[in-house]
């Protein structure tokens, strides 16, 4: 059955056609996003929801989205989607961060040039018939220093365009490597140095608690007198009140803003100042950019719904179309190993270590770790899923460690889940053979070779004669048919385990009787 996607905002006909061409059933209702009640009433019928900014995906809508697997936002901002609610429900949220990068970078450069030459003010004056030739004395761009705060995708394009204008570019970005800075031809500096040296400052960083008011009154006081500030990134990066005071005092010569702390910005402290240029969040507003992000979101959503490939998700690691088929059996293995450990865990979890050896260590281990955590936590927290598991683990203070190693043992790929609780540490290892089916190959250091069955019995005991006969007889008397029987021990007469697949549920009274067999340490029923 073909997946169904609802488009509740205005996406281009070409994007609609992409869904159809890929074999996705699409329902195009471009005005539906404005009607929350109607959207909530029908959202349960769809596997995917494609939106722009008009649709607000609230917890109430997500609650009704019983089949929804993916939300695709045509654009970079996902402020209109409740990410925690979507994550908790296991819904992938994608955006298109690169579809409008060139357009936004060009807007920043345009704003900088307009600011340098006071273009909007000169235009208004000239069209009013004033011809104030001596009033508008601008500054040259050539040879000036441009400070770029945030040198990611958009910031690096701005730097490239600035080089074309013969500017010197300095950049502050904690994630910018020295090698990448050399490739971009920018000088990497710390923030205080950028403030001290820049003639123009342009912002291209997301809004976080660390970047909020990154340009503050204190920061402005350290800048060159006559600096010009451009913000086409996010409202809230600049303390607008402090900037207005600096403009009034002449410390800042001008500002060009496309984004504001509160939007729509029908009033703002910056409005009305003669050296301020404002546009209504036009950074991504070109015909090409709007088309690009629409086509991109259609491709991304189709890839996920049809192939399991994940790109540009804000709440899950990316998985390419090539990786998805190879990853799928490993995801199943990781989840079942996690589930095995979770079903045996009775006390509070303290730490989880997931070790990847061999070929699997080269795969997207973040996705595998999410699967292992989902399996581990689900026996205790029923509604946890692949997407929400890392968040749930973090909220509960569980330490999660990933370890990757080269090929060491008998298996091409090996995943080990080690769980540390308040009382003990337990580990279980598994692999996937050529048949594609996941197997347990080691429990607590004891070698076994067992496939995961739907219903299983796990028994630990002292290795002594007579156990197997009594155990098998007891299951037979209870009418439980044995499908597979797997045994292992660490040494003759030492610790032993039995992992037995049975047909049907294991009644509690049978479990109790198994626990009373001499030398049995524990008996647990498992479901996979």
Protein backbone atom coordinates (compact mmCIF):
# COMPACT_ATOMS: atom_id res chain seq x y z
CA UNK A 1 0.00 0.00 0.00
CA UNK A 2 1.45 3.36 -1.06
CA UNK A 3 2.27 5.86 1.70
CA UNK A 4 0.01 8.91 1.90
CA UNK A 5 1.24 12.48 2.29
CA UNK A 6 -0.80 15.57 3.12
CA UNK A 7 0.46 18.95 1.87
CA UNK A 8 -1.24 21.58 4.04
CA UNK A 9 0.62 24.68 2.78
CA UNK A 10 1.38 26.14 -0.65
CA UNK A 11 4.05 23.94 -2.26
CA UNK A 12 4.81 24.15 -5.98
CA UNK A 13 3.11 21.81 -8.48
CA UNK A 14 6.56 20.39 -9.27
CA UNK A 15 6.90 19.22 -5.64
CA UNK A 16 3.47 17.58 -5.78
CA UNK A 17 4.55 15.82 -8.97
CA UNK A 18 7.72 14.49 -7.30
CA UNK A 19 5.60 12.68 -4.71
CA UNK A 20 3.38 11.22 -7.45
CA UNK A 21 6.31 10.18 -9.64
CA UNK A 22 7.94 8.39 -6.69
CA UNK A 23 4.76 6.41 -6.00
CA UNK A 24 3.55 8.37 -2.97
CA UNK A 25 -0.16 9.14 -2.75
CA UNK A 26 -0.48 12.90 -2.22
CA UNK A 27 -3.36 15.06 -0.97
CA UNK A 28 -2.71 18.71 -1.85
CA UNK A 29 -4.74 21.09 0.35
CA UNK A 30 -2.68 24.32 0.39
CA UNK A 31 -5.07 26.26 2.66
CA UNK A 32 -5.71 23.53 5.22
CA UNK A 33 -2.83 24.61 7.49
CA UNK A 34 -4.80 27.66 8.57
CA UNK A 35 -7.63 25.47 9.92
CA UNK A 36 -6.25 23.67 13.01
CA UNK A 37 -9.49 21.85 13.77
CA UNK A 38 -9.88 20.40 10.29
CA UNK A 39 -6.20 19.45 10.15
CA UNK A 40 -6.48 17.64 13.50
CA UNK A 41 -9.58 15.82 12.27
CA UNK A 42 -7.92 14.28 9.20
CA UNK A 43 -4.20 14.04 10.07
CA UNK A 44 -4.61 10.47 11.32
CA UNK A 45 -5.08 9.29 7.72
CA UNK A 46 -1.56 10.22 6.57
CA UNK A 47 1.99 8.87 6.81
CA UNK A 48 3.61 12.23 6.00
CA UNK A 49 2.83 15.95 6.39
CA UNK A 50 4.55 18.54 4.15
CA UNK A 51 4.36 22.15 5.34
CA UNK A 52 5.81 25.64 5.01
CA UNK A 53 5.33 28.17 7.81
CA UNK A 54 1.54 28.62 7.88
CA UNK A 55 0.75 25.18 9.35
CA UNK A 56 1.29 25.01 13.12
CA UNK A 57 1.94 21.39 14.16
CA UNK A 58 0.85 21.53 17.80
CA UNK A 59 0.80 18.72 20.40
CA UNK A 60 -2.96 18.40 19.82
CA UNK A 61 -2.42 17.73 16.11
CA UNK A 62 0.42 15.30 16.82
CA UNK A 63 -1.81 13.47 19.31
CA UNK A 64 -4.30 12.84 16.49
CA UNK A 65 -1.55 11.84 14.01
CA UNK A 66 -1.84 8.12 14.69
CA UNK A 67 -0.08 7.01 11.48
CA UNK A 68 2.27 9.94 10.92
CA UNK A 69 5.91 8.97 10.37
CA UNK A 70 7.45 12.18 9.02
CA UNK A 71 6.88 15.96 8.96
CA UNK A 72 8.73 17.82 6.22
CA UNK A 73 9.25 21.58 6.52
CA UNK A 74 10.07 23.32 3.23
CA UNK A 75 12.53 25.82 4.71
CA UNK A 76 15.04 25.98 7.52
CA UNK A 77 12.97 27.13 10.52
CA UNK A 78 10.95 24.50 12.38
CA UNK A 79 9.54 26.87 15.03
CA UNK A 80 6.02 25.94 13.87
CA UNK A 81 6.50 22.26 14.77
CA UNK A 82 6.42 21.00 18.37
CA UNK A 83 9.64 18.97 18.15
CA UNK A 84 9.43 17.33 21.63
CA UNK A 85 5.85 16.15 20.96
CA UNK A 86 6.80 14.78 17.53
CA UNK A 87 9.91 13.10 18.96
CA UNK A 88 7.94 11.48 21.76
CA UNK A 89 5.58 10.02 19.14
CA UNK A 90 8.45 8.73 16.99
CA UNK A 91 7.81 11.17 14.14
CA UNK A 92 10.86 12.26 12.12
CA UNK A 93 10.95 16.05 11.60
CA UNK A 94 12.90 17.19 8.53
CA UNK A 95 13.77 20.61 7.22
CA UNK A 96 15.62 21.85 4.12
CA UNK A 97 18.51 23.85 5.54
CA UNK A 98 20.39 24.30 2.28
CA UNK A 99 17.63 25.02 -0.24
CA UNK A 100 17.61 28.75 0.51
CA UNK A 101 21.25 29.24 1.54
CA UNK A 102 22.31 31.20 -1.55
CA UNK A 103 19.22 33.40 -1.40
CA UNK A 104 19.75 34.24 2.28
CA UNK A 105 23.47 34.92 1.74
CA UNK A 106 22.68 37.19 -1.22
CA UNK A 107 20.15 39.08 0.91
CA UNK A 108 22.79 39.71 3.58
CA UNK A 109 25.24 41.03 0.97
CA UNK A 110 22.49 43.19 -0.56
CA UNK A 111 21.63 44.62 2.87
CA UNK A 112 25.31 45.36 3.53
CA UNK A 113 25.68 47.24 0.24
CA UNK A 114 22.43 49.13 0.78
CA UNK A 115 23.63 50.05 4.28
CA UNK A 116 27.03 51.24 3.04
CA UNK A 117 25.45 53.59 0.48
CA UNK A 118 22.13 54.40 2.25
CA UNK A 119 20.21 53.24 -0.81
CA UNK A 120 16.66 53.08 0.67
CA UNK A 121 16.97 56.51 2.30
CA UNK A 122 18.43 58.07 -0.87
CA UNK A 123 15.69 56.48 -2.95
CA UNK A 124 12.92 57.85 -0.69
CA UNK A 125 14.50 61.31 -0.71
CA UNK A 126 14.99 61.37 -4.47
CA UNK A 127 11.47 60.19 -5.24
CA UNK A 128 10.18 62.90 -2.90
CA UNK A 129 11.87 65.42 -5.24
CA UNK A 130 14.55 66.57 -2.78
CA UNK A 131 17.82 65.77 -4.66
CA UNK A 132 19.92 65.72 -1.47
CA UNK A 133 23.19 64.82 -3.17
CA UNK A 134 25.38 65.97 -0.27
CA UNK A 135 23.29 64.31 2.44
CA UNK A 136 24.03 60.69 1.56
CA UNK A 137 27.76 60.23 2.00
CA UNK A 138 28.38 56.48 1.97
CA UNK A 139 31.43 54.31 2.59
CA UNK A 140 33.31 51.97 0.27
CA UNK A 141 33.15 48.21 0.77
CA UNK A 142 36.54 47.49 -0.83
CA UNK A 143 39.28 46.92 1.72
CA UNK A 144 36.91 46.91 4.70
CA UNK A 145 36.87 44.07 7.25
CA UNK A 146 33.73 41.95 7.38
CA UNK A 147 33.19 40.00 10.61
CA UNK A 148 31.10 36.87 10.03
CA UNK A 149 29.54 35.36 13.16
CA UNK A 150 28.68 31.78 12.24
CA UNK A 151 30.57 30.41 9.25
CA UNK A 152 28.39 27.45 8.35
CA UNK A 153 26.58 26.96 5.07
CA UNK A 154 25.18 30.49 4.69
CA UNK A 155 28.07 32.27 6.42
CA UNK A 156 30.60 30.60 4.12
CA UNK A 157 28.67 31.76 1.03
CA UNK A 158 28.62 35.31 2.44
CA UNK A 159 32.40 35.09 2.98
CA UNK A 160 32.90 33.95 -0.61
CA UNK A 161 30.80 36.82 -2.00
CA UNK A 162 32.63 39.31 0.27
CA UNK A 163 35.95 38.16 -1.17
CA UNK A 164 34.56 39.02 -4.59
CA UNK A 165 33.93 42.53 -3.26
CA UNK A 166 37.60 42.70 -2.18
CA UNK A 167 36.80 42.71 1.53
CA UNK A 168 38.92 41.12 4.27
CA UNK A 169 36.88 38.44 6.03
CA UNK A 170 37.33 37.38 9.64
CA UNK A 171 35.07 34.74 11.18
CA UNK A 172 34.00 33.55 14.61
CA UNK A 173 32.59 30.03 14.75
CA UNK A 174 33.49 27.49 17.49
CA UNK A 175 32.88 24.65 15.01
CA UNK A 176 35.04 26.06 12.21
CA UNK A 177 38.22 24.00 11.86
CA UNK A 178 41.49 25.74 10.96
CA UNK A 179 41.62 23.68 7.73
CA UNK A 180 38.11 24.76 6.72
CA UNK A 181 38.98 28.40 7.50
CA UNK A 182 41.95 28.15 5.12
CA UNK A 183 39.71 26.61 2.42
CA UNK A 184 37.25 29.50 2.81
CA UNK A 185 40.02 32.10 2.83
CA UNK A 186 38.86 33.54 6.14
CA UNK A 187 40.82 34.35 9.27
CA UNK A 188 39.40 32.50 12.27
CA UNK A 189 39.23 34.75 15.34
CA UNK A 190 37.63 34.82 18.76
CA UNK A 191 34.55 36.96 19.30
CA UNK A 192 36.21 39.87 21.18
CA UNK A 193 38.75 40.25 18.35
CA UNK A 194 35.99 40.20 15.73
CA UNK A 195 34.12 42.94 17.58
CA UNK A 196 37.31 45.00 17.87
CA UNK A 197 38.38 44.74 14.20
CA UNK A 198 35.24 44.52 12.03
CA UNK A 199 33.89 47.43 9.99
CA UNK A 200 30.78 45.40 9.14
CA UNK A 201 29.37 42.53 11.20
CA UNK A 202 26.95 39.97 9.74
CA UNK A 203 25.24 37.22 11.75
CA UNK A 204 24.68 33.69 10.44
CA UNK A 205 24.16 31.51 13.50
CA UNK A 206 21.09 29.76 14.95
CA UNK A 207 19.36 31.19 18.02
CA UNK A 208 20.32 29.22 21.13
CA UNK A 209 20.74 30.12 24.78
CA UNK A 210 24.45 30.65 24.04
CA UNK A 211 23.85 32.92 21.04
CA UNK A 212 20.89 34.90 22.39
CA UNK A 213 21.93 38.58 22.55
CA UNK A 214 25.42 37.65 21.33
CA UNK A 215 25.53 41.29 20.32
CA UNK A 216 24.78 42.96 23.64
CA UNK A 217 25.36 46.46 25.04
CA UNK A 218 28.72 45.29 26.42
CA UNK A 219 29.70 43.79 23.06
CA UNK A 220 28.74 46.96 21.18
CA UNK A 221 30.89 49.03 23.54
CA UNK A 222 33.98 47.07 22.41
CA UNK A 223 33.30 47.57 18.68
CA UNK A 224 34.87 50.09 16.32
CA UNK A 225 33.07 53.42 16.37
CA UNK A 226 31.05 53.54 13.15
CA UNK A 227 30.54 49.78 12.82
CA UNK A 228 27.58 48.56 10.73
CA UNK A 229 25.57 45.48 11.76
CA UNK A 230 23.55 43.14 9.50
CA UNK A 231 21.21 40.45 10.80
CA UNK A 232 19.53 38.13 8.30
CA UNK A 233 19.72 35.07 10.59
CA UNK A 234 17.42 35.03 13.62
CA UNK A 235 15.68 37.61 15.77
CA UNK A 236 17.10 37.64 19.30
CA UNK A 237 20.77 37.43 18.31
CA UNK A 238 21.04 41.20 18.86
CA UNK A 239 19.80 43.17 21.86
CA UNK A 240 17.63 45.54 19.83
CA UNK A 241 17.22 48.08 22.64
CA UNK A 242 20.98 48.27 23.18
CA UNK A 243 21.52 48.62 19.44
CA UNK A 244 19.05 51.51 19.23
CA UNK A 245 20.88 53.32 22.02
CA UNK A 246 24.22 52.75 20.23
CA UNK A 247 22.73 54.06 16.96
CA UNK A 248 21.43 57.16 18.75
CA UNK A 249 24.84 57.70 20.33
CA UNK A 250 26.70 57.27 17.03
CA UNK A 251 28.72 54.25 18.22
CA UNK A 252 27.00 52.18 15.50
CA UNK A 253 26.77 53.90 12.12
CA UNK A 254 23.94 51.78 10.76
CA UNK A 255 22.03 48.52 10.97
CA UNK A 256 20.22 46.36 8.41
CA UNK A 257 17.76 43.83 9.82
CA UNK A 258 15.64 41.18 8.10
CA UNK A 259 14.69 39.40 11.34
CA UNK A 260 13.34 40.63 14.65
CA UNK A 261 12.83 39.37 18.20
CA UNK A 262 9.06 39.42 17.68
CA UNK A 263 7.55 38.67 14.29
CA UNK A 264 5.50 39.81 12.48
CA UNK A 265 7.29 43.02 13.54
CA UNK A 266 4.61 45.69 13.18
CA UNK A 267 6.51 47.81 15.68
CA UNK A 268 10.10 47.65 16.89
CA UNK A 269 12.55 49.85 18.78
CA UNK A 270 14.75 50.03 15.66
CA UNK A 271 11.98 51.37 13.42
CA UNK A 272 12.17 55.01 12.47
CA UNK A 273 15.90 55.47 12.97
CA UNK A 274 17.37 57.20 9.88
CA UNK A 275 20.31 54.78 9.69
CA UNK A 276 18.34 51.56 9.93
CA UNK A 277 17.16 49.45 6.96
CA UNK A 278 14.48 46.81 7.58
CA UNK A 279 12.91 44.07 5.46
CA UNK A 280 10.09 41.68 6.50
CA UNK A 281 12.05 38.39 6.84
CA UNK A 282 12.79 38.13 3.12
CA UNK A 283 15.99 36.08 3.48
CA UNK A 284 14.54 33.05 1.71
CA UNK A 285 12.10 34.93 -0.48
CA UNK A 286 13.17 34.35 -4.05
CA UNK A 287 11.34 32.32 -6.65
CA UNK A 288 14.31 29.95 -6.94
CA UNK A 289 14.62 29.36 -3.18
CA UNK A 290 10.91 28.69 -2.67
CA UNK A 291 10.99 26.18 -5.51
CA UNK A 292 14.22 24.57 -4.29
CA UNK A 293 13.01 23.91 -0.73
CA UNK A 294 9.69 22.54 -1.98
CA UNK A 295 11.39 20.08 -4.33
CA UNK A 296 13.93 19.14 -1.67
CA UNK A 297 11.34 18.36 0.99
CA UNK A 298 9.35 16.22 -1.45
CA UNK A 299 12.47 14.19 -2.31
CA UNK A 300 13.49 13.80 1.35
CA UNK A 301 10.05 12.68 2.51
CA UNK A 302 9.70 10.23 -0.39
CA UNK A 303 13.15 8.78 0.35
CA UNK A 304 12.16 8.17 3.96
CA UNK A 305 8.70 6.75 3.35
CA UNK A 306 9.82 4.46 0.52
CA UNK A 307 13.41 3.53 1.45
CA UNK A 308 13.96 4.45 5.09
CA UNK A 309 16.58 7.04 4.15
CA UNK A 310 16.74 10.01 6.53
CA UNK A 311 18.26 13.37 5.59
CA UNK A 312 18.18 16.76 7.32
CA UNK A 313 16.17 15.43 10.26
CA UNK A 314 16.30 17.69 13.30
CA UNK A 315 15.53 14.86 15.74
CA UNK A 316 17.32 11.78 14.33
CA UNK A 317 20.66 10.90 12.67
CA UNK A 318 20.83 10.95 8.86
CA UNK A 319 20.80 7.64 6.97
CA UNK A 320 21.46 7.55 3.22
CA UNK A 321 19.45 5.46 0.74
CA UNK A 322 22.55 3.27 0.27
CA UNK A 323 23.02 2.78 4.02
CA UNK A 324 19.37 2.04 4.86
CA UNK A 325 19.22 -1.60 3.54
CA UNK A 326 22.55 -2.51 5.23
CA UNK A 327 21.55 -0.76 8.43
CA UNK A 328 18.11 -2.36 8.72
CA UNK A 329 19.20 -5.80 10.09
CA UNK A 330 21.68 -4.10 12.43
CA UNK A 331 18.95 -1.79 13.73
CA UNK A 332 16.81 -4.87 14.44
CA UNK A 333 19.76 -6.54 16.21
CA UNK A 334 20.52 -3.46 18.33
CA UNK A 335 16.88 -3.08 19.36
CA UNK A 336 16.56 -6.76 20.34
CA UNK A 337 19.81 -6.76 22.30
CA UNK A 338 18.54 -3.68 24.12
CA UNK A 339 15.20 -5.38 24.72
CA UNK A 340 16.92 -8.50 26.09
CA UNK A 341 18.84 -6.39 28.60
CA UNK A 342 15.79 -4.25 29.41
CA UNK A 343 13.56 -7.23 30.18
CA UNK A 344 16.14 -8.49 32.69
CA UNK A 345 16.64 -5.10 34.35
CA UNK A 346 14.73 -4.62 37.60
CA UNK A 347 16.57 -1.73 39.28
CA UNK A 348 17.42 1.80 38.19
CA UNK A 349 19.59 2.17 35.10
CA UNK A 350 22.80 4.10 35.66
CA UNK A 351 24.80 3.63 32.48
CA UNK A 352 24.56 1.97 29.07
CA UNK A 353 27.60 1.22 26.92
CA UNK A 354 27.10 0.06 23.34
CA UNK A 355 30.20 -1.31 21.64
CA UNK A 356 30.44 -1.72 17.87
CA UNK A 357 33.16 -3.98 16.43
CA UNK A 358 34.08 -4.74 12.84
CA UNK A 359 32.04 -3.57 9.84
CA UNK A 360 29.18 -2.24 11.98
CA UNK A 361 31.59 0.27 13.57
CA UNK A 362 31.72 2.04 10.17
CA UNK A 363 27.93 2.42 10.00
CA UNK A 364 25.69 5.17 11.42
CA UNK A 365 26.08 4.06 15.02
CA UNK A 366 23.92 6.93 16.34
CA UNK A 367 20.89 5.31 14.69
CA UNK A 368 21.85 1.91 16.11
CA UNK A 369 22.30 3.38 19.58
CA UNK A 370 18.84 4.93 19.35
CA UNK A 371 17.43 1.50 18.47
CA UNK A 372 19.27 -0.19 21.36
CA UNK A 373 18.03 2.44 23.82
CA UNK A 374 14.46 2.07 22.55
CA UNK A 375 14.62 -1.69 23.10
CA UNK A 376 16.20 -1.23 26.53
CA UNK A 377 13.73 1.37 27.82
CA UNK A 378 10.52 0.01 26.30
CA UNK A 379 9.93 -2.76 28.91
CA UNK A 380 9.89 -0.02 31.58
CA UNK A 381 8.41 2.87 29.55
CA UNK A 382 5.99 1.41 27.04
CA UNK A 383 5.69 4.34 24.65
CA UNK A 384 9.42 4.97 23.98
CA UNK A 385 10.59 4.71 20.35
CA UNK A 386 13.72 5.01 18.17
CA UNK A 387 13.34 8.77 17.86
CA UNK A 388 12.53 9.57 21.48
CA UNK A 389 14.83 7.06 23.23
CA UNK A 390 18.01 9.22 23.41
CA UNK A 391 15.98 12.14 24.80
CA UNK A 392 14.23 9.90 27.35
CA UNK A 393 17.58 8.42 28.47
CA UNK A 394 19.09 11.90 28.85
CA UNK A 395 16.07 13.15 30.83
CA UNK A 396 16.47 10.26 33.26
CA UNK A 397 20.16 10.89 33.79
CA UNK A 398 21.25 7.61 32.15
CA UNK A 399 24.82 7.85 30.88
CA UNK A 400 25.06 6.55 27.30
CA UNK A 401 28.47 5.64 25.85
CA UNK A 402 29.32 4.52 22.32
CA UNK A 403 32.55 2.60 21.67
CA UNK A 404 33.78 1.62 18.19
CA UNK A 405 36.55 -0.90 17.52
CA UNK A 406 38.26 -2.50 14.58
CA UNK A 407 37.54 -6.15 13.75
CA UNK A 408 38.86 -8.27 16.64
CA UNK A 409 36.97 -11.54 17.15
CA UNK A 410 35.19 -14.26 15.20
CA UNK A 411 32.47 -12.08 13.71
CA UNK A 412 32.49 -9.55 10.87
CA UNK A 413 30.24 -7.32 12.97
CA UNK A 414 29.49 -7.48 16.67
CA UNK A 415 27.29 -5.29 18.86
CA UNK A 416 27.60 -5.50 22.66
CA UNK A 417 25.09 -3.84 24.98
CA UNK A 418 26.39 -3.47 28.54
CA UNK A 419 23.93 -2.23 31.13
CA UNK A 420 24.99 -0.95 34.53
CA UNK A 421 22.25 -0.75 37.17
CA UNK A 422 22.34 0.17 40.85
CA UNK A 423 23.06 -3.49 41.67
CA UNK A 424 24.91 -5.15 38.78
CA UNK A 425 26.44 -4.96 35.32
CA UNK A 426 25.08 -7.19 32.55
CA UNK A 427 26.20 -7.53 28.93
CA UNK A 428 24.83 -9.25 25.85
CA UNK A 429 26.43 -9.54 22.40
CA UNK A 430 24.89 -10.18 19.02
CA UNK A 431 25.60 -10.31 15.31
CA UNK A 432 23.86 -10.74 11.97
CA UNK A 433 24.89 -13.65 9.76
CA UNK A 434 24.51 -13.89 5.98
CA UNK A 435 20.85 -14.90 6.34
CA UNK A 436 20.11 -11.37 7.66
CA UNK A 437 18.65 -12.65 10.94
CA UNK A 438 19.97 -11.23 14.24
CA UNK A 439 21.45 -13.64 16.81
CA UNK A 440 22.65 -13.57 20.39
CA UNK A 441 26.20 -14.95 20.56
CA UNK A 442 27.28 -14.13 24.12
CA UNK A 443 25.51 -13.49 27.42
CA UNK A 444 27.51 -12.41 30.46
CA UNK A 445 30.68 -13.82 28.86
CA UNK A 446 29.08 -17.20 28.10
CA UNK A 447 29.02 -18.16 24.40
CA UNK A 448 25.68 -19.12 22.87
CA UNK A 449 24.21 -19.08 19.38
CA UNK A 450 20.52 -18.28 19.48
CA UNK A 451 18.07 -16.54 17.20
CA UNK A 452 15.51 -14.24 18.80
CA UNK A 453 12.16 -15.99 19.06
CA UNK A 454 8.82 -14.34 19.70
CA UNK A 455 8.45 -16.02 23.11
CA UNK A 456 11.52 -17.22 25.02
CA UNK A 457 12.60 -18.54 28.41
CA UNK A 458 15.92 -17.39 29.86
CA UNK A 459 17.28 -19.51 32.69
CA UNK A 460 20.57 -19.20 34.60
CA UNK A 461 21.72 -22.13 36.70
CA UNK A 462 24.68 -23.94 38.22
CA UNK A 463 26.02 -26.44 35.70
CA UNK A 464 25.00 -29.79 37.21
CA UNK A 465 23.65 -33.12 35.86
CA UNK A 466 19.88 -33.50 35.61
CA UNK A 467 18.88 -29.89 34.96
CA UNK A 468 18.10 -30.24 31.24
CA UNK A 469 15.94 -33.36 31.79
CA UNK A 470 13.89 -31.78 34.57
CA UNK A 471 13.54 -28.48 32.66
CA UNK A 472 12.39 -30.11 29.40
CA UNK A 473 10.00 -32.44 31.25
CA UNK A 474 8.42 -29.53 33.10
CA UNK A 475 7.78 -27.63 29.84
CA UNK A 476 6.33 -30.77 28.25
CA UNK A 477 3.98 -31.34 31.19
CA UNK A 478 2.82 -27.72 30.88
CA UNK A 479 2.01 -28.23 27.18
CA UNK A 480 4.72 -25.79 26.03
CA UNK A 481 6.31 -26.89 22.77
CA UNK A 482 10.06 -26.17 22.49
CA UNK A 483 11.03 -24.55 19.18
CA UNK A 484 14.77 -24.08 19.82
CA UNK A 485 16.98 -24.96 22.78
CA UNK A 486 20.30 -23.15 23.26
CA UNK A 487 22.77 -23.83 26.05
CA UNK A 488 26.04 -22.33 27.22
CA UNK A 489 28.38 -22.44 30.22
CA UNK A 490 31.55 -20.68 31.31
CA UNK A 491 33.22 -23.88 32.63
CA UNK A 492 32.26 -27.46 33.61
CA UNK A 493 30.33 -27.18 36.85
CA UNK A 494 30.32 -23.38 36.60
CA UNK A 495 27.64 -20.92 35.54
CA UNK A 496 25.28 -22.05 32.79
CA UNK A 497 22.46 -20.49 30.80
CA UNK A 498 19.57 -21.83 28.76
CA UNK A 499 17.81 -19.73 26.16
CA UNK A 500 14.74 -21.55 24.91
CA UNK A 501 12.19 -20.50 22.31
CA UNK A 502 8.69 -21.84 22.97
CA UNK A 503 5.39 -21.71 21.13
CA UNK A 504 3.01 -19.36 22.93
CA UNK A 505 3.12 -17.40 26.18
CA UNK A 506 4.87 -18.80 29.26
CA UNK A 507 2.32 -18.89 32.13
CA UNK A 508 3.46 -17.40 35.45
CA UNK A 509 2.99 -20.69 37.29
CA UNK A 510 5.30 -22.48 34.82
CA UNK A 511 7.93 -19.80 35.34
CA UNK A 512 7.61 -20.24 39.09
CA UNK A 513 8.06 -24.02 38.83
CA UNK A 514 11.16 -23.62 36.61
CA UNK A 515 12.60 -21.30 39.24
CA UNK A 516 12.26 -24.05 41.84
CA UNK A 517 14.30 -26.63 39.89
CA UNK A 518 17.47 -27.39 41.90
CA UNK A 519 20.48 -25.20 41.01
CA UNK A 520 18.37 -22.64 39.07
CA UNK A 521 19.39 -19.06 39.90
CA UNK A 522 16.74 -17.18 37.89
CA UNK A 523 14.08 -17.84 35.25
CA UNK A 524 12.60 -15.09 33.09
CA UNK A 525 10.06 -15.05 30.27
CA UNK A 526 11.06 -12.80 27.35
CA UNK A 527 9.05 -11.40 24.44
CA UNK A 528 10.54 -10.10 21.18
